[in-house]
PDB file of N, CA and C in Angstrom:
ATOM      1  N   MET A   1       7.089 -32.134 -10.118  1.00  0.00           N
ATOM      2  CA  MET A   1       8.103 -31.287  -9.533  1.00  0.00           C
ATOM      3  C   MET A   1       7.455 -30.046  -8.917  1.00  0.00           C
ATOM      4  N   VAL A   2       8.227 -29.280  -8.191  1.00  0.00           N
ATOM      5  CA  VAL A   2       7.718 -28.107  -7.499  1.00  0.00           C
ATOM      6  C   VAL A   2       7.237 -27.055  -8.489  1.00  0.00           C
ATOM      7  N   ASN A   3       7.986 -26.808  -9.555  1.00  0.00           N
ATOM      8  CA  ASN A   3       7.606 -25.781 -10.523  1.00  0.00           C
ATOM      9  C   ASN A   3       6.280 -26.094 -11.195  1.00  0.00           C
ATOM     10  N   GLU A   4       6.026 -27.360 -11.491  1.00  0.00           N
ATOM     11  CA  GLU A   4       4.760 -27.737 -12.103  1.00  0.00           C
ATOM     12  C   GLU A   4       3.604 -27.457 -11.153  1.00  0.00           C
ATOM     13  N   ARG A   5       3.788 -27.715  -9.904  1.00  0.00           N
ATOM     14  CA  ARG A   5       2.738 -27.487  -8.922  1.00  0.00           C
ATOM     15  C   ARG A   5       2.461 -25.987  -8.736  1.00  0.00           C
ATOM     16  N   MET A   6       3.497 -25.159  -8.801  1.00  0.00           N
ATOM     17  CA  MET A   6       3.338 -23.721  -8.613  1.00  0.00           C
ATOM     18  C   MET A   6       2.621 -23.074  -9.796  1.00  0.00           C
ATOM     19  N   ARG A   7       2.668 -23.685 -10.967  1.00  0.00           N
ATOM     20  CA  ARG A   7       2.024 -23.119 -12.150  1.00  0.00           C
ATOM     21  C   ARG A   7       0.508 -23.257 -12.108  1.00  0.00           C
ATOM     22  N   LYS A   8      -0.008 -24.110 -11.290  1.00  0.00           N
ATOM     23  CA  LYS A   8      -1.456 -24.319 -11.232  1.00  0.00           C
ATOM     24  C   LYS A   8      -2.144 -23.050 -10.752  1.00  0.00           C
ATOM     25  N   SER A   9      -3.258 -22.702 -11.409  1.00  0.00           N
ATOM     26  CA  SER A   9      -3.976 -21.497 -11.038  1.00  0.00           C
ATOM     27  C   SER A   9      -4.866 -21.717  -9.813  1.00  0.00           C
ATOM     28  N   LYS A  10      -5.135 -22.939  -9.473  1.00  0.00           N
ATOM     29  CA  LYS A  10      -5.982 -23.245  -8.334  1.00  0.00           C
ATOM     30  C   LYS A  10      -5.257 -22.896  -7.028  1.00  0.00           C
ATOM     31  N   GLN A  11      -5.948 -22.175  -6.152  1.00  0.00           N
ATOM     32  CA  GLN A  11      -5.337 -21.786  -4.882  1.00  0.00           C
ATOM     33  C   GLN A  11      -5.318 -23.003  -3.963  1.00  0.00           C
ATOM     34  N   SER A  12      -4.176 -23.276  -3.385  1.00  0.00           N
ATOM     35  CA  SER A  12      -4.070 -24.427  -2.506  1.00  0.00           C
ATOM     36  C   SER A  12      -4.172 -23.994  -1.054  1.00  0.00           C
ATOM     37  N   ALA A  13      -4.637 -24.916  -0.247  1.00  0.00           N
ATOM     38  CA  ALA A  13      -4.796 -24.640   1.177  1.00  0.00           C
ATOM     39  C   ALA A  13      -3.827 -25.512   1.960  1.00  0.00           C
ATOM     40  N   VAL A  14      -3.333 -24.956   3.060  1.00  0.00           N
ATOM     41  CA  VAL A  14      -2.464 -25.701   3.957  1.00  0.00           C
ATOM     42  C   VAL A  14      -3.245 -25.910   5.253  1.00  0.00           C
ATOM     43  N   MET A  15      -3.503 -27.144   5.562  1.00  0.00           N
ATOM     44  CA  MET A  15      -4.285 -27.499   6.757  1.00  0.00           C
ATOM     45  C   MET A  15      -5.633 -26.765   6.767  1.00  0.00           C
ATOM     46  N   GLY A  16      -6.228 -26.625   5.586  1.00  0.00           N
ATOM     47  CA  GLY A  16      -7.537 -26.008   5.472  1.00  0.00           C
ATOM     48  C   GLY A  16      -7.544 -24.493   5.544  1.00  0.00           C
ATOM     49  N   GLN A  17      -6.369 -23.861   5.596  1.00  0.00           N
ATOM     50  CA  GLN A  17      -6.282 -22.400   5.703  1.00  0.00           C
ATOM     51  C   GLN A  17      -5.680 -21.829   4.423  1.00  0.00           C
ATOM     52  N   PHE A  18      -6.284 -20.745   3.941  1.00  0.00           N
ATOM     53  CA  PHE A  18      -5.753 -20.047   2.780  1.00  0.00           C
ATOM     54  C   PHE A  18      -4.934 -18.852   3.249  1.00  0.00           C
ATOM     55  N   ALA A  19      -4.103 -18.334   2.377  1.00  0.00           N
ATOM     56  CA  ALA A  19      -3.255 -17.184   2.721  1.00  0.00           C
ATOM     57  C   ALA A  19      -4.130 -15.958   2.968  1.00  0.00           C
ATOM     58  N   PRO A  20      -3.743 -15.109   3.918  1.00  0.00           N
ATOM     59  CA  PRO A  20      -4.517 -13.885   4.170  1.00  0.00           C
ATOM     60  C   PRO A  20      -4.362 -12.897   3.020  1.00  0.00           C
ATOM     61  N   THR A  21      -5.214 -11.893   3.009  1.00  0.00           N
ATOM     62  CA  THR A  21      -5.119 -10.881   1.962  1.00  0.00           C
ATOM     63  C   THR A  21      -3.825 -10.091   2.125  1.00  0.00           C
ATOM     64  N   VAL A  22      -3.450  -9.402   1.058  1.00  0.00           N
ATOM     65  CA  VAL A  22      -2.216  -8.621   1.058  1.00  0.00           C
ATOM     66  C   VAL A  22      -2.353  -7.463   2.048  1.00  0.00           C
ATOM     67  N   LYS A  23      -1.330  -7.267   2.859  1.00  0.00           N
ATOM     68  CA  LYS A  23      -1.333  -6.178   3.834  1.00  0.00           C
ATOM     69  C   LYS A  23      -0.539  -5.001   3.296  1.00  0.00           C
ATOM     70  N   TRP A  24      -0.868  -3.804   3.807  1.00  0.00           N
ATOM     71  CA  TRP A  24      -0.132  -2.612   3.418  1.00  0.00           C
ATOM     72  C   TRP A  24       1.303  -2.715   3.922  1.00  0.00           C
ATOM     73  N   THR A  25       2.205  -2.283   3.110  1.00  0.00           N
ATOM     74  CA  THR A  25       3.602  -2.287   3.519  1.00  0.00           C
ATOM     75  C   THR A  25       3.992  -0.901   4.015  1.00  0.00           C
ATOM     76  N   LYS A  26       5.127  -0.828   4.629  1.00  0.00           N
ATOM     77  CA  LYS A  26       5.620   0.463   5.112  1.00  0.00           C
ATOM     78  C   LYS A  26       5.857   1.418   3.948  1.00  0.00           C
ATOM     79  N   ALA A  27       6.323   0.893   2.830  1.00  0.00           N
ATOM     80  CA  ALA A  27       6.590   1.748   1.667  1.00  0.00           C
ATOM     81  C   ALA A  27       5.304   2.381   1.148  1.00  0.00           C
ATOM     82  N   SER A  28       4.223   1.617   1.103  1.00  0.00           N
ATOM     83  CA  SER A  28       2.970   2.190   0.625  1.00  0.00           C
ATOM     84  C   SER A  28       2.414   3.187   1.628  1.00  0.00           C
ATOM     85  N   ALA A  29       2.641   2.979   2.905  1.00  0.00           N
ATOM     86  CA  ALA A  29       2.204   3.939   3.918  1.00  0.00           C
ATOM     87  C   ALA A  29       2.973   5.243   3.791  1.00  0.00           C
ATOM     88  N   VAL A  30       4.262   5.172   3.535  1.00  0.00           N
ATOM     89  CA  VAL A  30       5.080   6.379   3.335  1.00  0.00           C
ATOM     90  C   VAL A  30       4.638   7.105   2.077  1.00  0.00           C
ATOM     91  N   LEU A  31       4.376   6.371   1.025  1.00  0.00           N
ATOM     92  CA  LEU A  31       3.923   6.980  -0.225  1.00  0.00           C
ATOM     93  C   LEU A  31       2.587   7.691  -0.029  1.00  0.00           C
ATOM     94  N   LEU A  32       1.659   7.068   0.647  1.00  0.00           N
ATOM     95  CA  LEU A  32       0.364   7.682   0.910  1.00  0.00           C
ATOM     96  C   LEU A  32       0.516   8.934   1.767  1.00  0.00           C
ATOM     97  N   ALA A  33       1.342   8.875   2.792  1.00  0.00           N
ATOM     98  CA  ALA A  33       1.567  10.032   3.654  1.00  0.00           C
ATOM     99  C   ALA A  33       2.188  11.186   2.861  1.00  0.00           C
ATOM    100  N   THR A  34       3.090  10.886   1.959  1.00  0.00           N
ATOM    101  CA  THR A  34       3.721  11.917   1.136  1.00  0.00           C
ATOM    102  C   THR A  34       2.713  12.556   0.188  1.00  0.00           C
ATOM    103  N   VAL A  35       1.897  11.730  -0.426  1.00  0.00           N
ATOM    104  CA  VAL A  35       0.897  12.233  -1.367  1.00  0.00           C
ATOM    105  C   VAL A  35      -0.105  13.136  -0.660  1.00  0.00           C
ATOM    106  N   ILE A  36      -0.432  12.833   0.572  1.00  0.00           N
ATOM    107  CA  ILE A  36      -1.377  13.653   1.326  1.00  0.00           C
ATOM    108  C   ILE A  36      -0.705  14.902   1.878  1.00  0.00           C
ATOM    109  N   SER A  37       0.522  14.795   2.341  1.00  0.00           N
ATOM    110  CA  SER A  37       1.154  15.918   3.037  1.00  0.00           C
ATOM    111  C   SER A  37       1.595  17.048   2.106  1.00  0.00           C
ATOM    112  N   ILE A  38       1.987  16.736   0.884  1.00  0.00           N
ATOM    113  CA  ILE A  38       2.471  17.783  -0.027  1.00  0.00           C
ATOM    114  C   ILE A  38       1.375  18.804  -0.358  1.00  0.00           C
ATOM    115  N   PRO A  39       0.167  18.392  -0.765  1.00  0.00           N
ATOM    116  CA  PRO A  39      -0.871  19.404  -1.022  1.00  0.00           C
ATOM    117  C   PRO A  39      -1.258  20.184   0.237  1.00  0.00           C
ATOM    118  N   VAL A  40      -1.281  19.526   1.370  1.00  0.00           N
ATOM    119  CA  VAL A  40      -1.602  20.223   2.625  1.00  0.00           C
ATOM    120  C   VAL A  40      -0.543  21.278   2.913  1.00  0.00           C
ATOM    121  N   PHE A  41       0.716  20.941   2.732  1.00  0.00           N
ATOM    122  CA  PHE A  41       1.799  21.898   2.932  1.00  0.00           C
ATOM    123  C   PHE A  41       1.662  23.089   1.990  1.00  0.00           C
ATOM    124  N   LEU A  42       1.347  22.826   0.732  1.00  0.00           N
ATOM    125  CA  LEU A  42       1.218  23.917  -0.235  1.00  0.00           C
ATOM    126  C   LEU A  42       0.047  24.834   0.116  1.00  0.00           C
ATOM    127  N   VAL A  43      -1.069  24.276   0.514  1.00  0.00           N
ATOM    128  CA  VAL A  43      -2.231  25.087   0.882  1.00  0.00           C
ATOM    129  C   VAL A  43      -1.928  25.923   2.117  1.00  0.00           C
ATOM    130  N   LEU A  44      -1.336  25.335   3.125  1.00  0.00           N
ATOM    131  CA  LEU A  44      -1.021  26.080   4.339  1.00  0.00           C
ATOM    132  C   LEU A  44       0.022  27.172   4.082  1.00  0.00           C
ATOM    133  N   THR A  45       0.978  26.902   3.222  1.00  0.00           N
ATOM    134  CA  THR A  45       1.974  27.906   2.871  1.00  0.00           C
ATOM    135  C   THR A  45       1.326  29.063   2.115  1.00  0.00           C
ATOM    136  N   ALA A  46       0.416  28.756   1.205  1.00  0.00           N
ATOM    137  CA  ALA A  46      -0.279  29.807   0.457  1.00  0.00           C
ATOM    138  C   ALA A  46      -1.121  30.670   1.390  1.00  0.00           C
ATOM    139  N   ILE A  47      -1.797  30.045   2.343  1.00  0.00           N
ATOM    140  CA  ILE A  47      -2.598  30.805   3.313  1.00  0.00           C
ATOM    141  C   ILE A  47      -1.690  31.701   4.148  1.00  0.00           C
ATOM    142  N   ASP A  48      -0.547  31.194   4.556  1.00  0.00           N
ATOM    143  CA  ASP A  48       0.392  31.967   5.351  1.00  0.00           C
ATOM    144  C   ASP A  48       0.916  33.176   4.583  1.00  0.00           C
ATOM    145  N   VAL A  49       1.283  32.979   3.334  1.00  0.00           N
ATOM    146  CA  VAL A  49       1.838  34.048   2.516  1.00  0.00           C
ATOM    147  C   VAL A  49       0.769  35.097   2.197  1.00  0.00           C
ATOM    148  N   LEU A  50      -0.432  34.667   1.871  1.00  0.00           N
ATOM    149  CA  LEU A  50      -1.471  35.602   1.436  1.00  0.00           C
ATOM    150  C   LEU A  50      -2.132  36.361   2.582  1.00  0.00           C
ATOM    151  N   PHE A  51      -2.336  35.728   3.706  1.00  0.00           N
ATOM    152  CA  PHE A  51      -3.163  36.331   4.746  1.00  0.00           C
ATOM    153  C   PHE A  51      -2.411  36.699   6.028  1.00  0.00           C
ATOM    154  N   LEU A  52      -1.238  36.183   6.232  1.00  0.00           N
ATOM    155  CA  LEU A  52      -0.546  36.464   7.494  1.00  0.00           C
ATOM    156  C   LEU A  52       0.714  37.271   7.302  1.00  0.00           C
TER     157      LEU A  52
END
């Protein structure tokens, strides 16, 4: 049955081709952008408040 075949740990190929590696999703790109932008915003705000 289909479920028995899916349980096998061996990677199967279709017409000699294996599945490509996992690609980044839009959600992970948004998460990465948020993680990078928040510290940058805080640093720039601190520079603005302290020196300008």
